[in-house]
Amino acid sequence: MKLVAGMAGSSESRESRVAVLVDCDNVPPVILDHALRFVAQFGRVVVRRGYGNSATLGAARWQDALTRQAFTPCLQYQYASGKNTADIALALDAMEMLFDEIVDTFCIVTSDSDFAHLCRKLRERGALVCIVGEEKTPSALRNASDHFSEWEPIIDSAPAEVARPASEIGSALRSAEPPRPPTKQRPLVIVKAVAMLAGDTPEGKVDLGALGNYMRRTDPSFTPKAYGHSGLLDMLRTYDLLKLHQEAGGHWAVTLNQERIAQMPVNPLTGRPSVT
């Protein structure tokens, strides 16, 4: 079953079309950012829906998260205690999108093993299925998908700023130097993107164009100029954690600088102490 071939013949329509379906009753709102970054490597996200009952979707934190990331809330009332109608709605919508050829790739955000059967059915029909879940996600669900990404809570270990008297703050402001021109920045998200994209390739490389497309999918407002660089190539040249390679034909590819990463006391990709 060729899902993409039946779509319009434009160059954009030949790109994989992705649906991100979130089981809001089962996962925390902060998982959305991770899910969108992860699934952007597989294609363009054209459907974003969050499913839950009135207690879940009525909570301010879910309303804020779904609104910020432009998700459509799909409210499902519980007709009887203990019956999860949101799960059934998610599964039915997924199959409908598959048969109507709206998308060919599904990212289901949940840790609930009840969705394992849905994953198997979608894959049997030729769809690519990704699961984004927490550490508690059972093997039955992980193995029912083509790709599984485990979301880990981020613990903010930055020390709190010590409050200073108002007189001291005023003195510091008066003696402050004039603002300097913005310096070139090297956001770690670029390194993490290279690690994700290059990790699935035999040579551990990612094409510069593919990297740029991925960054724009995850953040439509992304531009190297916002970080003080003239372009993506100029930006990557400032990273000591990355290596650039000019391939045949003149195009560029980028890999991780594994030697430099190994020298660091804390692995910047995992946040864990490096193994010596």
Protein backbone atom coordinates (compact mmCIF):
# COMPACT_ATOMS: atom_id res chain seq x y z
CA MET A 1 0.00 0.00 0.00
CA LYS A 2 1.69 3.19 -1.19
CA LEU A 3 0.31 5.94 0.94
CA VAL A 4 2.41 8.83 -0.37
CA ALA A 5 2.08 8.01 -4.06
CA GLY A 6 -1.64 8.79 -4.06
CA MET A 7 -1.12 12.35 -2.85
CA ALA A 8 -0.61 15.49 -4.91
CA GLY A 9 2.47 15.54 -7.11
CA SER A 10 4.24 18.50 -5.56
CA SER A 11 7.76 18.07 -4.17
CA GLU A 12 6.49 18.76 -0.65
CA SER A 13 3.84 16.02 -0.88
CA ARG A 14 6.56 13.43 -1.52
CA GLU A 15 7.93 14.19 1.92
CA SER A 16 6.70 11.92 4.70
CA ARG A 17 3.64 13.33 6.43
CA VAL A 18 3.56 12.80 10.18
CA ALA A 19 0.77 12.69 12.77
CA VAL A 20 1.64 13.27 16.43
CA LEU A 21 -1.12 11.81 18.62
CA VAL A 22 -0.76 12.35 22.38
CA ASP A 23 -2.38 10.29 25.13
CA CYS A 24 -2.68 13.25 27.51
CA ASP A 25 -4.18 11.08 30.27
CA ASN A 26 -0.95 9.06 30.39
CA VAL A 27 1.98 11.46 29.93
CA PRO A 28 3.02 14.89 31.30
CA PRO A 29 2.72 18.03 29.12
CA VAL A 30 6.48 18.65 29.12
CA ILE A 31 6.96 15.59 26.89
CA LEU A 32 5.55 17.45 23.87
CA ASP A 33 8.75 19.35 23.09
CA HIS A 34 10.81 16.14 23.11
CA ALA A 35 8.28 14.32 20.91
CA LEU A 36 8.25 17.06 18.26
CA ARG A 37 12.06 17.24 18.16
CA PHE A 38 12.33 13.47 17.86
CA VAL A 39 9.74 12.97 15.14
CA ALA A 40 10.94 15.87 12.98
CA GLN A 41 13.67 13.62 11.57
CA PHE A 42 11.04 11.45 9.86
CA GLY A 43 9.09 14.12 7.98
CA ARG A 44 6.76 17.10 8.21
CA VAL A 45 4.26 17.11 11.08
CA VAL A 46 0.85 17.85 9.55
CA VAL A 47 -1.43 16.58 12.34
CA ARG A 48 -1.06 17.46 16.04
CA ARG A 49 -3.76 16.20 18.40
CA GLY A 50 -3.98 15.69 22.14
CA TYR A 51 -6.56 13.28 23.57
CA GLY A 52 -7.88 13.28 27.13
CA ASN A 53 -10.85 13.55 29.46
CA SER A 54 -12.26 16.76 30.91
CA ALA A 55 -10.10 16.57 34.05
CA THR A 56 -6.90 16.28 32.02
CA LEU A 57 -7.56 18.75 29.21
CA GLY A 58 -9.20 21.17 31.63
CA ALA A 59 -5.96 21.53 33.59
CA ALA A 60 -4.08 24.77 32.96
CA ARG A 61 -0.75 23.04 32.29
CA TRP A 62 -2.22 20.95 29.47
CA GLN A 63 -4.11 23.90 28.03
CA ASP A 64 -0.90 25.95 27.98
CA ALA A 65 1.18 23.14 26.42
CA LEU A 66 -1.34 22.27 23.69
CA THR A 67 -1.90 25.94 22.83
CA ARG A 68 1.82 26.75 22.71
CA GLN A 69 2.64 23.83 20.40
CA ALA A 70 -0.47 24.30 18.20
CA PHE A 71 -2.11 20.96 19.08
CA THR A 72 -5.81 20.36 18.55
CA PRO A 73 -7.39 19.22 21.85
CA CYS A 74 -9.67 16.21 21.45
CA LEU A 75 -11.90 16.11 24.53
CA GLN A 76 -13.55 12.77 25.33
CA TYR A 77 -16.04 12.52 28.17
CA GLN A 78 -16.02 9.41 30.34
CA TYR A 79 -19.46 7.85 30.02
CA ALA A 80 -18.78 5.40 32.84
CA SER A 81 -16.20 5.23 35.63
CA GLY A 82 -13.02 3.42 34.62
CA LYS A 83 -13.73 3.61 30.86
CA ASN A 84 -11.06 5.46 28.89
CA THR A 85 -12.82 6.77 25.79
CA ALA A 86 -9.82 8.93 24.83
CA ASP A 87 -7.74 5.85 23.97
CA ILE A 88 -10.45 4.55 21.64
CA ALA A 89 -10.82 7.94 19.96
CA LEU A 90 -7.06 8.13 19.35
CA ALA A 91 -6.99 4.64 17.83
CA LEU A 92 -9.98 5.28 15.57
CA ASP A 93 -8.58 8.59 14.35
CA ALA A 94 -5.23 6.94 13.59
CA MET A 95 -6.82 4.22 11.45
CA GLU A 96 -9.00 6.79 9.69
CA MET A 97 -5.95 8.91 8.82
CA LEU A 98 -4.18 5.81 7.52
CA PHE A 99 -7.04 4.70 5.25
CA ASP A 100 -7.69 8.24 4.02
CA GLU A 101 -3.95 8.55 3.24
CA ILE A 102 -3.65 11.77 5.24
CA VAL A 103 -0.35 10.65 6.80
CA ASP A 104 2.10 7.77 6.43
CA THR A 105 4.02 8.16 9.70
CA PHE A 106 2.58 8.09 13.21
CA CYS A 107 4.12 9.26 16.46
CA ILE A 108 2.04 8.09 19.42
CA VAL A 109 3.04 9.75 22.68
CA THR A 110 2.17 7.35 25.48
CA SER A 111 3.53 4.74 27.86
CA ASP A 112 0.32 2.67 27.78
CA SER A 113 0.81 -0.85 26.44
CA ASP A 114 -2.84 -0.92 25.31
CA PHE A 115 -1.67 0.85 22.14
CA ALA A 116 0.60 -2.05 21.11
CA HIS A 117 -2.14 -3.62 19.00
CA LEU A 118 -2.79 -0.31 17.22
CA CYS A 119 0.93 -0.04 16.44
CA ARG A 120 1.00 -3.51 14.94
CA LYS A 121 -2.04 -2.80 12.77
CA LEU A 122 -0.60 0.46 11.48
CA ARG A 123 2.69 -1.20 10.61
CA GLU A 124 0.93 -4.09 8.85
CA ARG A 125 -0.65 -1.48 6.57
CA GLY A 126 2.74 0.00 5.69
CA ALA A 127 2.90 2.96 8.09
CA LEU A 128 5.98 3.95 10.04
CA VAL A 129 5.21 4.02 13.78
CA CYS A 130 7.14 5.84 16.50
CA ILE A 131 6.47 5.76 20.22
CA VAL A 132 7.59 8.47 22.62
CA GLY A 133 7.17 7.41 26.23
CA GLU A 134 8.60 7.43 29.71
CA GLU A 135 10.95 4.94 31.36
CA LYS A 136 7.92 2.95 32.54
CA THR A 137 6.95 2.10 28.93
CA PRO A 138 6.65 -1.72 28.77
CA SER A 139 8.57 -3.81 26.26
CA ALA A 140 5.35 -4.85 24.53
CA LEU A 141 4.78 -1.28 23.38
CA ARG A 142 8.43 -0.47 22.65
CA ASN A 143 8.78 -3.54 20.42
CA ALA A 144 5.52 -2.85 18.59
CA SER A 145 7.00 0.35 17.10
CA ASP A 146 9.62 1.05 14.46
CA HIS A 147 11.30 3.66 16.64
CA PHE A 148 11.04 4.27 20.37
CA SER A 149 12.31 7.38 22.16
CA GLU A 150 12.43 7.51 25.93
CA TRP A 151 11.73 10.89 27.48
CA GLU A 152 13.68 11.68 30.63
CA PRO A 153 12.73 14.48 33.03
CA ILE A 154 15.28 17.29 33.06
CA ILE A 155 16.48 18.18 36.53
CA ASP A 156 17.53 21.80 36.83
CA SER A 157 20.72 21.75 38.90
CA ALA A 158 21.62 25.41 38.33
CA PRO A 159 22.26 27.20 41.63
CA ALA A 160 19.68 29.75 42.68
CA GLU A 161 20.69 33.38 42.42
CA VAL A 162 21.39 34.98 45.78
CA ALA A 163 19.30 38.07 46.42
CA ARG A 164 21.29 41.30 46.85
CA PRO A 165 20.31 44.51 48.61
CA ALA A 166 18.76 47.17 46.39
CA SER A 167 21.61 49.59 47.12
CA GLU A 168 24.16 47.07 45.92
CA ILE A 169 22.19 46.39 42.74
CA GLY A 170 21.94 50.12 41.99
CA SER A 171 25.68 50.56 42.46
CA ALA A 172 26.40 47.66 40.14
CA LEU A 173 24.14 49.10 37.46
CA ARG A 174 25.84 52.50 37.63
CA SER A 175 29.27 50.96 37.26
CA ALA A 176 28.26 48.52 34.52
CA GLU A 177 30.17 48.67 31.26
CA PRO A 178 28.44 49.72 28.03
CA PRO A 179 26.69 46.80 26.28
CA ARG A 180 28.98 44.79 24.04
CA PRO A 181 28.01 43.57 20.58
CA PRO A 182 26.39 40.10 20.64
CA THR A 183 28.85 37.22 20.55
CA LYS A 184 28.49 34.11 18.45
CA GLN A 185 26.55 31.45 20.31
CA ARG A 186 26.75 27.66 20.04
CA PRO A 187 23.46 26.16 21.28
CA LEU A 188 23.79 22.54 22.38
CA VAL A 189 20.60 21.65 20.52
CA ILE A 190 22.62 21.57 17.28
CA VAL A 191 24.97 18.91 18.69
CA LYS A 192 22.03 16.85 19.93
CA ALA A 193 20.39 17.10 16.50
CA VAL A 194 23.56 15.82 14.79
CA ALA A 195 23.79 12.95 17.30
CA MET A 196 20.19 11.93 16.58
CA LEU A 197 20.32 12.20 12.80
CA ALA A 198 23.82 10.78 12.29
CA GLY A 199 23.23 7.91 14.70
CA ASP A 200 20.97 6.17 12.17
CA THR A 201 23.48 6.37 9.29
CA PRO A 202 26.22 3.83 8.52
CA GLU A 203 28.97 6.50 8.42
CA GLY A 204 27.66 8.56 11.33
CA LYS A 205 27.26 11.63 9.09
CA VAL A 206 24.40 13.99 8.40
CA ASP A 207 24.15 16.21 5.33
CA LEU A 208 24.17 19.93 6.02
CA GLY A 209 20.89 20.40 4.16
CA ALA A 210 19.19 17.63 6.13
CA LEU A 211 20.37 19.19 9.37
CA GLY A 212 19.01 22.58 8.37
CA ASN A 213 15.64 21.06 7.41
CA TYR A 214 15.45 19.25 10.75
CA MET A 215 16.18 22.42 12.72
CA ARG A 216 13.46 24.33 10.86
CA ARG A 217 10.96 21.53 11.48
CA THR A 218 11.61 21.58 15.20
CA ASP A 219 11.65 25.38 15.37
CA PRO A 220 10.15 27.24 12.38
CA SER A 221 11.81 30.47 13.59
CA PHE A 222 15.30 28.92 13.63
CA THR A 223 18.00 30.93 11.85
CA PRO A 224 21.77 30.99 12.44
CA LYS A 225 21.64 34.80 12.34
CA ALA A 226 19.80 34.77 15.66
CA TYR A 227 22.96 33.26 17.19
CA GLY A 228 25.35 35.71 15.50
CA HIS A 229 26.28 33.59 12.45
CA SER A 230 25.96 34.35 8.75
CA GLY A 231 24.79 30.82 7.91
CA LEU A 232 24.59 27.24 9.13
CA LEU A 233 28.05 26.33 7.77
CA ASP A 234 29.59 29.33 9.50
CA MET A 235 27.78 28.33 12.70
CA LEU A 236 29.00 24.71 12.64
CA ARG A 237 32.62 25.82 12.18
CA THR A 238 32.57 27.29 15.70
CA TYR A 239 31.71 23.96 17.38
CA ASP A 240 34.55 21.92 18.88
CA LEU A 241 32.10 19.05 19.48
CA LEU A 242 31.44 18.69 15.73
CA LYS A 243 33.52 17.95 12.63
CA LEU A 244 32.78 19.18 9.11
CA HIS A 245 33.53 17.11 6.00
CA GLN A 246 33.38 18.32 2.40
CA GLU A 247 32.06 15.45 0.31
CA ALA A 248 32.37 14.72 -3.39
CA GLY A 249 30.42 17.28 -5.35
CA GLY A 250 31.22 20.05 -2.91
CA HIS A 251 28.42 19.54 -0.40
CA TRP A 252 29.09 19.39 3.33
CA ALA A 253 28.39 16.79 5.99
CA VAL A 254 28.87 16.92 9.76
CA THR A 255 29.77 14.31 12.39
CA LEU A 256 30.28 14.28 16.14
CA ASN A 257 33.78 14.92 17.42
CA GLN A 258 33.87 11.81 19.58
CA GLU A 259 37.41 12.46 20.83
CA ARG A 260 36.50 15.89 22.15
CA ILE A 261 33.29 14.58 23.74
CA ALA A 262 35.22 11.80 25.49
CA GLN A 263 37.63 14.38 26.96
CA MET A 264 34.87 16.29 28.70
CA PRO A 265 34.18 15.42 32.35
CA VAL A 266 30.43 15.34 31.67
CA ASN A 267 29.01 14.02 28.41
CA PRO A 268 27.10 16.98 26.92
CA LEU A 269 24.62 14.66 25.19
CA THR A 270 23.63 12.56 28.20
CA GLY A 271 24.50 14.83 31.12
CA ARG A 272 26.31 11.90 32.75
CA PRO A 273 29.99 11.71 33.78
CA SER A 274 32.20 10.54 30.93
CA VAL A 275 33.68 7.06 31.21
CA THR A 276 37.47 7.20 31.49
